[in-house]
Amino acid sequence: MEYKAKIVSVDDNRLNLLLIESMLESMNVSIASFTDPKTALKYIRENPADIILTDYMMPVMDGVTFIKHVREADSDIPVVMVTAVDDDDNVKIAALQAGAYDFLYKPLKLYEFQVRIKNLLNMRKNQLLLKDRAALLQSEVFAATKQIEQREFESLSIIGRASEYKDMETGNHIKRVAHYCRELAKDLGLDDEYIRTLFYSAPLHDIGKIGIPDNILLKPSRLTDAEFVIMQQHTVIGHGILIEADGKYLKMGAEIAISHHERWDGGGYPGKLSGEDIPLSGRIVAISDVFDALMSKRPYKDKWSIGETIAYIQNNSGKMFDPALTDSFNRLHDVFQDILKSYDDSQE
């Protein structure tokens, strides 16, 4: 079925509207005519149109004011002022500033009128085609971006799991840490993009452990001071592995790797950073990682109770942990326990 262009015609004189309708009759368009500009505006807001024709001198609302109201609803639709005022530059300038595309002067001449309308309809057609193409391009870019992100997420998962093959911690540990981090970031009111990046970067926090000797990494008892110094290097190693990457997830992963063992009071490692000098991502992962470690059984330690874990984190507010994050944890520890249950190692 052939598309019929929609034209809205506004003039307080009914005879002028009938004349315009007769001139458009042979052009295969649909016409909606109005003597009241306010009624026309309501119609335009509720119905798509391709061209709007408006008189200038109308008692309820002049044409310039009418065009301004049209532009509030649609910034692109061609609007033509049809007027008997052909020698007032002020009116023309005001109409153009309001958003008029063209002028037609009364009395209308049939051939000129039809040619002008035909040209405007062709312009409108091209305008809509460009919009459709822009929308299609945006959709294709969005789909391509999602595909790239999915591939990057898969790579992150593989990288994050690499440390599992040497470490005694499980894949569920890094999943849980990611979820804890997301909840803390939400509670802090951080923006969605940061939360998303943090969620996919947090599992990389211990990637540097792949560079730690097995006799230290897998030791079933407490490390000696010398061994602990070597273990601390996993932060530097992880940062070194990830820092050259261009992707935002790997870059934040590098930031987390080197900062998640820093302490709020400056007693952590490897940089002895303190307070807000520690990247926020590292501070968030720090409290998440400690919670999960305390709540999990290891060869060298038993699982702590939730009460003991909560007390430990609260007692270390302002020492190990950012006080603001400790406050968030106090609000969220029930959510943390739900996450712990959802990714229970015993179910593997």
Protein backbone atom coordinates (compact mmCIF):
# COMPACT_ATOMS: atom_id res chain seq x y z
CA MET A 1 0.00 0.00 0.00
CA GLU A 2 1.45 3.36 -1.05
CA TYR A 3 2.32 5.69 1.79
CA LYS A 4 0.29 8.90 1.96
CA ALA A 5 2.13 11.89 3.32
CA LYS A 6 0.29 13.65 6.13
CA ILE A 7 -0.15 17.41 5.97
CA VAL A 8 -1.61 19.60 8.71
CA SER A 9 -3.08 22.93 7.62
CA VAL A 10 -3.96 25.69 10.09
CA ASP A 11 -5.83 28.90 9.22
CA ASP A 12 -8.61 30.73 11.05
CA ASN A 13 -10.37 31.29 7.69
CA ARG A 14 -12.20 28.15 6.58
CA LEU A 15 -12.19 29.26 2.91
CA ASN A 16 -8.37 29.36 2.91
CA LEU A 17 -8.29 25.82 4.30
CA LEU A 18 -10.66 24.62 1.58
CA LEU A 19 -8.46 26.25 -1.08
CA ILE A 20 -5.37 24.47 0.23
CA GLU A 21 -7.25 21.16 0.35
CA SER A 22 -8.29 21.57 -3.30
CA MET A 23 -4.71 22.38 -4.34
CA LEU A 24 -3.43 19.25 -2.60
CA GLU A 25 -6.19 16.98 -3.87
CA SER A 26 -4.18 15.70 -6.85
CA MET A 27 -1.01 15.03 -4.84
CA ASN A 28 -2.01 11.82 -3.03
CA VAL A 29 -1.63 13.24 0.46
CA SER A 30 -3.88 13.18 3.51
CA ILE A 31 -4.86 16.54 4.96
CA ALA A 32 -5.98 17.52 8.44
CA SER A 33 -7.32 21.09 8.53
CA PHE A 34 -7.88 23.22 11.62
CA THR A 35 -9.24 26.72 12.25
CA ASP A 36 -8.07 26.60 15.90
CA PRO A 37 -4.26 26.49 16.44
CA LYS A 38 -4.66 24.95 19.92
CA THR A 39 -6.67 22.04 18.52
CA ALA A 40 -4.07 21.66 15.76
CA LEU A 41 -1.26 21.51 18.33
CA LYS A 42 -3.06 18.78 20.25
CA TYR A 43 -3.48 16.81 17.02
CA ILE A 44 0.20 17.24 16.06
CA ARG A 45 1.37 16.02 19.48
CA GLU A 46 -0.74 12.88 19.14
CA ASN A 47 -0.33 12.15 15.40
CA PRO A 48 2.72 12.07 13.12
CA ALA A 49 2.78 14.63 10.31
CA ASP A 50 5.11 15.30 7.37
CA ILE A 51 4.43 18.98 6.70
CA ILE A 52 2.65 21.71 8.66
CA LEU A 53 1.16 24.77 6.94
CA THR A 54 0.20 27.66 9.19
CA ASP A 55 -1.28 31.10 8.69
CA TYR A 56 0.43 34.02 10.42
CA MET A 57 -2.42 36.31 11.41
CA MET A 58 -4.76 34.29 13.62
CA PRO A 59 -6.76 35.70 16.55
CA VAL A 60 -6.17 32.89 19.06
CA MET A 61 -2.43 32.45 18.43
CA ASP A 62 -0.24 33.99 15.74
CA GLY A 63 1.79 31.79 13.41
CA VAL A 64 5.15 32.48 15.03
CA THR A 65 3.87 31.43 18.46
CA PHE A 66 2.26 28.38 16.88
CA ILE A 67 5.58 27.35 15.29
CA LYS A 68 7.36 27.69 18.64
CA HIS A 69 4.86 25.29 20.21
CA VAL A 70 5.28 22.87 17.29
CA ARG A 71 9.04 22.87 17.81
CA GLU A 72 8.56 21.88 21.45
CA ALA A 73 6.90 18.69 20.20
CA ASP A 74 8.98 18.05 17.05
CA SER A 75 12.26 19.73 16.16
CA ASP A 76 12.45 18.42 12.58
CA ILE A 77 9.07 18.49 10.87
CA PRO A 78 8.96 21.06 8.01
CA VAL A 79 6.73 24.03 8.89
CA VAL A 80 5.66 26.52 6.22
CA MET A 81 4.14 29.89 7.04
CA VAL A 82 1.35 30.87 4.64
CA THR A 83 0.75 34.61 4.96
CA ALA A 84 -0.42 37.74 3.22
CA VAL A 85 2.39 39.68 4.91
CA ASP A 86 5.14 39.58 2.27
CA ASP A 87 7.04 42.77 3.03
CA ASP A 88 7.61 42.57 6.79
CA ASP A 89 11.14 41.33 7.40
CA ASN A 90 10.57 41.26 11.14
CA VAL A 91 7.83 38.66 10.71
CA LYS A 92 10.06 36.56 8.46
CA ILE A 93 13.00 36.70 10.85
CA ALA A 94 10.78 35.84 13.82
CA ALA A 95 9.27 32.91 11.92
CA LEU A 96 12.69 31.59 10.87
CA GLN A 97 14.00 31.93 14.41
CA ALA A 98 10.96 30.03 15.66
CA GLY A 99 11.71 27.19 13.23
CA ALA A 100 9.89 27.90 9.94
CA TYR A 101 11.35 26.16 6.88
CA ASP A 102 9.72 28.26 4.16
CA PHE A 103 7.14 30.94 3.31
CA LEU A 104 4.20 30.96 0.91
CA TYR A 105 2.37 34.17 0.18
CA LYS A 106 -1.32 34.72 -0.41
CA PRO A 107 -2.91 34.58 -2.87
CA LEU A 108 -1.45 31.11 -3.45
CA LYS A 109 -0.45 30.14 -6.98
CA LEU A 110 -1.34 26.54 -7.77
CA TYR A 111 1.81 25.46 -9.62
CA GLU A 112 4.24 27.17 -7.23
CA PHE A 113 2.35 25.79 -4.23
CA GLN A 114 2.40 22.22 -5.50
CA VAL A 115 6.11 22.37 -6.46
CA ARG A 116 7.04 23.75 -3.02
CA ILE A 117 5.03 21.03 -1.28
CA LYS A 118 6.54 18.33 -3.50
CA ASN A 119 10.08 19.54 -2.70
CA LEU A 120 9.33 19.63 1.01
CA LEU A 121 7.88 16.12 0.89
CA ASN A 122 11.04 14.84 -0.82
CA MET A 123 13.12 16.56 1.84
CA ARG A 124 10.96 15.02 4.57
CA LYS A 125 11.32 11.57 3.00
CA ASN A 126 15.12 11.89 2.97
CA GLN A 127 15.04 13.24 6.50
CA LEU A 128 13.14 10.18 7.73
CA LEU A 129 15.41 7.82 5.77
CA LEU A 130 18.44 9.37 7.44
CA LYS A 131 16.79 8.94 10.84
CA ASP A 132 16.06 5.29 10.06
CA ARG A 133 19.63 4.73 8.93
CA ALA A 134 20.98 6.45 12.03
CA ALA A 135 18.76 4.28 14.22
CA LEU A 136 19.86 1.16 12.34
CA LEU A 137 23.51 2.15 12.65
CA GLN A 138 23.07 2.82 16.36
CA SER A 139 21.45 -0.58 16.76
CA GLU A 140 24.26 -2.30 14.86
CA VAL A 141 26.91 -0.46 16.90
CA PHE A 142 25.14 -1.46 20.12
CA ALA A 143 24.98 -5.11 19.02
CA ALA A 144 28.64 -5.09 17.99
CA THR A 145 29.64 -3.48 21.29
CA LYS A 146 27.70 -6.10 23.24
CA GLN A 147 29.44 -8.84 21.28
CA ILE A 148 32.86 -7.34 22.00
CA GLU A 149 31.97 -6.97 25.68
CA GLN A 150 30.82 -10.60 25.81
CA ARG A 151 34.10 -11.77 24.34
CA GLU A 152 36.01 -9.60 26.80
CA PHE A 153 33.96 -11.00 29.69
CA GLU A 154 34.77 -14.54 28.55
CA SER A 155 38.46 -13.64 28.45
CA LEU A 156 38.23 -12.12 31.93
CA SER A 157 36.62 -15.28 33.26
CA ILE A 158 39.38 -17.42 31.80
CA ILE A 159 42.09 -15.13 33.18
CA GLY A 160 40.40 -14.95 36.58
CA ARG A 161 40.18 -18.74 36.81
CA ALA A 162 43.84 -19.16 35.87
CA SER A 163 44.97 -18.55 39.44
CA GLU A 164 42.62 -21.30 40.71
CA TYR A 165 44.77 -23.99 39.16
CA LYS A 166 47.58 -23.10 41.51
CA ASP A 167 45.70 -21.67 44.47
CA MET A 168 43.58 -23.59 46.97
CA GLU A 169 40.76 -21.11 46.55
CA THR A 170 37.86 -22.07 44.31
CA GLY A 171 36.18 -20.41 41.36
CA ASN A 172 33.26 -19.68 43.63
CA HIS A 173 35.53 -17.46 45.72
CA ILE A 174 36.13 -15.06 42.85
CA LYS A 175 32.44 -15.16 41.88
CA ARG A 176 31.41 -14.32 45.43
CA VAL A 177 33.93 -11.50 45.70
CA ALA A 178 32.59 -9.98 42.47
CA HIS A 179 29.03 -10.07 43.83
CA TYR A 180 30.03 -8.61 47.20
CA CYS A 181 31.81 -5.80 45.40
CA ARG A 182 28.79 -5.04 43.27
CA GLU A 183 26.53 -4.78 46.32
CA LEU A 184 28.97 -2.49 48.13
CA ALA A 185 29.32 -0.26 45.07
CA LYS A 186 25.55 0.00 44.75
CA ASP A 187 25.22 0.90 48.41
CA LEU A 188 27.79 3.67 47.92
CA GLY A 189 25.63 5.07 45.09
CA LEU A 190 28.32 4.67 42.43
CA ASP A 191 27.30 4.97 38.79
CA ASP A 192 26.21 1.94 36.78
CA GLU A 193 29.26 1.96 34.50
CA TYR A 194 31.67 1.88 37.44
CA ILE A 195 29.68 -0.90 39.12
CA ARG A 196 29.67 -2.96 35.94
CA THR A 197 33.42 -2.49 35.43
CA LEU A 198 34.14 -3.36 39.05
CA PHE A 199 32.01 -6.51 38.88
CA TYR A 200 33.95 -7.88 35.92
CA SER A 201 37.35 -6.70 37.15
CA ALA A 202 37.19 -7.89 40.78
CA PRO A 203 37.79 -11.59 39.91
CA LEU A 204 41.27 -10.60 38.71
CA HIS A 205 42.42 -9.51 42.16
CA ASP A 206 44.65 -12.55 42.80
CA ILE A 207 45.78 -13.28 39.24
CA GLY A 208 49.36 -12.58 40.35
CA LYS A 209 49.37 -15.77 42.43
CA ILE A 210 50.24 -17.69 39.29
CA GLY A 211 53.73 -16.26 39.74
CA ILE A 212 54.16 -17.44 43.33
CA PRO A 213 56.13 -20.70 43.93
CA ASP A 214 53.91 -23.68 44.77
CA ASN A 215 55.74 -24.47 48.00
CA ILE A 216 54.62 -21.08 49.33
CA LEU A 217 51.23 -20.73 47.63
CA LEU A 218 50.08 -24.22 48.62
CA LYS A 219 51.70 -24.40 52.05
CA PRO A 220 49.11 -25.92 54.46
CA SER A 221 50.39 -23.94 57.43
CA ARG A 222 51.20 -20.35 58.25
CA LEU A 223 53.93 -18.70 56.18
CA THR A 224 57.23 -17.61 57.65
CA ASP A 225 58.10 -13.93 57.47
CA ALA A 226 60.37 -14.56 54.48
CA GLU A 227 57.69 -16.59 52.70
CA PHE A 228 55.11 -13.89 53.38
CA VAL A 229 57.33 -11.29 51.72
CA ILE A 230 57.37 -13.47 48.61
CA MET A 231 53.59 -14.00 48.81
CA GLN A 232 53.08 -10.25 48.92
CA GLN A 233 54.59 -10.04 45.45
CA HIS A 234 51.41 -11.48 43.94
CA THR A 235 50.02 -7.94 43.99
CA VAL A 236 52.91 -6.58 41.96
CA ILE A 237 52.91 -9.59 39.61
CA GLY A 238 49.17 -9.26 38.96
CA HIS A 239 49.54 -5.55 38.26
CA GLY A 240 52.39 -6.26 35.87
CA ILE A 241 50.34 -8.85 33.97
CA LEU A 242 47.37 -6.54 33.45
CA ILE A 243 48.70 -2.98 33.33
CA GLU A 244 49.60 -2.89 29.62
CA ALA A 245 46.05 -3.72 28.53
CA ASP A 246 43.84 -1.07 26.91
CA GLY A 247 40.47 -2.50 28.01
CA LYS A 248 38.75 -0.82 30.95
CA TYR A 249 38.17 -4.15 32.76
CA LEU A 250 41.80 -5.20 32.63
CA LYS A 251 42.95 -1.71 33.59
CA MET A 252 40.75 -1.73 36.67
CA GLY A 253 41.89 -5.31 37.27
CA ALA A 254 45.48 -4.06 37.40
CA GLU A 255 44.45 -1.33 39.85
CA ILE A 256 42.69 -3.87 42.07
CA ALA A 257 45.51 -6.41 41.89
CA ILE A 258 48.08 -4.00 43.31
CA SER A 259 45.86 -2.24 45.85
CA HIS A 260 43.53 -4.81 47.44
CA HIS A 261 45.97 -5.58 50.27
CA GLU A 262 46.58 -1.95 51.18
CA ARG A 263 45.15 -0.87 54.55
CA TRP A 264 43.25 2.29 55.42
CA ASP A 265 45.82 3.06 58.15
CA GLY A 266 48.78 2.67 55.77
CA GLY A 267 49.98 -0.66 57.16
CA GLY A 268 49.23 -2.75 54.08
CA TYR A 269 51.25 -3.70 51.02
CA PRO A 270 52.88 -3.29 48.55
CA GLY A 271 52.77 0.55 48.53
CA LYS A 272 51.90 1.39 52.15
CA LEU A 273 49.08 3.57 50.81
CA SER A 274 46.54 4.94 53.25
CA GLY A 275 43.04 6.41 53.25
CA GLU A 276 41.69 7.68 49.96
CA ASP A 277 45.10 7.32 48.31
CA ILE A 278 44.08 3.68 47.96
CA PRO A 279 41.96 3.30 44.81
CA LEU A 280 38.29 2.84 45.64
CA SER A 281 38.18 -0.39 43.66
CA GLY A 282 40.96 -1.83 45.85
CA ARG A 283 39.22 -0.73 49.05
CA ILE A 284 35.99 -2.41 47.95
CA VAL A 285 37.72 -5.66 46.98
CA ALA A 286 39.71 -5.65 50.23
CA ILE A 287 36.69 -5.88 52.51
CA SER A 288 34.95 -8.33 50.16
CA ASP A 289 38.00 -10.58 49.94
CA VAL A 290 38.53 -10.64 53.70
CA PHE A 291 34.88 -11.42 54.39
CA ASP A 292 34.98 -14.39 52.03
CA ALA A 293 38.32 -15.64 53.34
CA LEU A 294 37.13 -15.56 56.95
CA MET A 295 33.85 -17.28 56.08
CA SER A 296 35.60 -20.08 54.14
CA LYS A 297 37.48 -23.14 55.39
CA ARG A 298 41.14 -23.38 54.39
CA PRO A 299 43.73 -26.13 55.09
CA TYR A 300 45.39 -23.80 57.61
CA LYS A 301 42.20 -22.42 59.26
CA ASP A 302 38.62 -23.27 60.10
CA LYS A 303 35.65 -21.33 58.85
CA TRP A 304 34.72 -18.40 61.10
CA SER A 305 31.17 -17.81 62.30
CA ILE A 306 29.23 -14.89 60.85
CA GLY A 307 29.30 -13.19 64.24
CA GLU A 308 33.09 -13.45 64.48
CA THR A 309 33.49 -12.18 60.92
CA ILE A 310 31.18 -9.19 61.42
CA ALA A 311 32.99 -8.29 64.66
CA TYR A 312 36.39 -8.53 62.96
CA ILE A 313 35.39 -6.23 60.12
CA GLN A 314 33.74 -3.73 62.46
CA ASN A 315 36.76 -3.72 64.79
CA ASN A 316 39.03 -3.00 61.83
CA SER A 317 37.05 -0.04 60.54
CA GLY A 318 39.52 2.80 60.07
CA LYS A 319 42.41 0.35 60.41
CA MET A 320 42.22 -2.23 57.63
CA PHE A 321 39.06 -0.94 56.01
CA ASP A 322 37.55 2.30 54.74
CA PRO A 323 35.02 3.35 57.44
CA ALA A 324 32.43 4.20 54.75
CA LEU A 325 32.73 0.67 53.39
CA THR A 326 32.44 -0.79 56.87
CA ASP A 327 29.18 1.13 57.25
CA SER A 328 28.00 -0.31 53.93
CA PHE A 329 29.02 -3.80 55.06
CA ASN A 330 27.00 -3.36 58.26
CA ARG A 331 23.95 -2.70 56.10
CA LEU A 332 24.70 -5.55 53.72
CA HIS A 333 26.10 -8.49 55.68
CA ASP A 334 22.79 -10.35 55.33
CA VAL A 335 23.08 -9.91 51.55
CA PHE A 336 26.69 -11.14 51.73
CA GLN A 337 25.51 -14.29 53.52
CA ASP A 338 22.91 -14.90 50.79
CA ILE A 339 25.65 -14.61 48.15
CA LEU A 340 27.83 -17.00 50.16
CA LYS A 341 25.02 -19.55 50.19
CA SER A 342 24.30 -19.10 46.49
CA TYR A 343 27.90 -19.94 45.58
CA ASP A 344 28.61 -22.55 48.24
CA ASP A 345 31.84 -24.47 47.62
CA SER A 346 30.33 -27.64 49.06
CA GLN A 347 27.90 -27.77 46.11
CA GLU A 348 30.72 -28.18 43.61
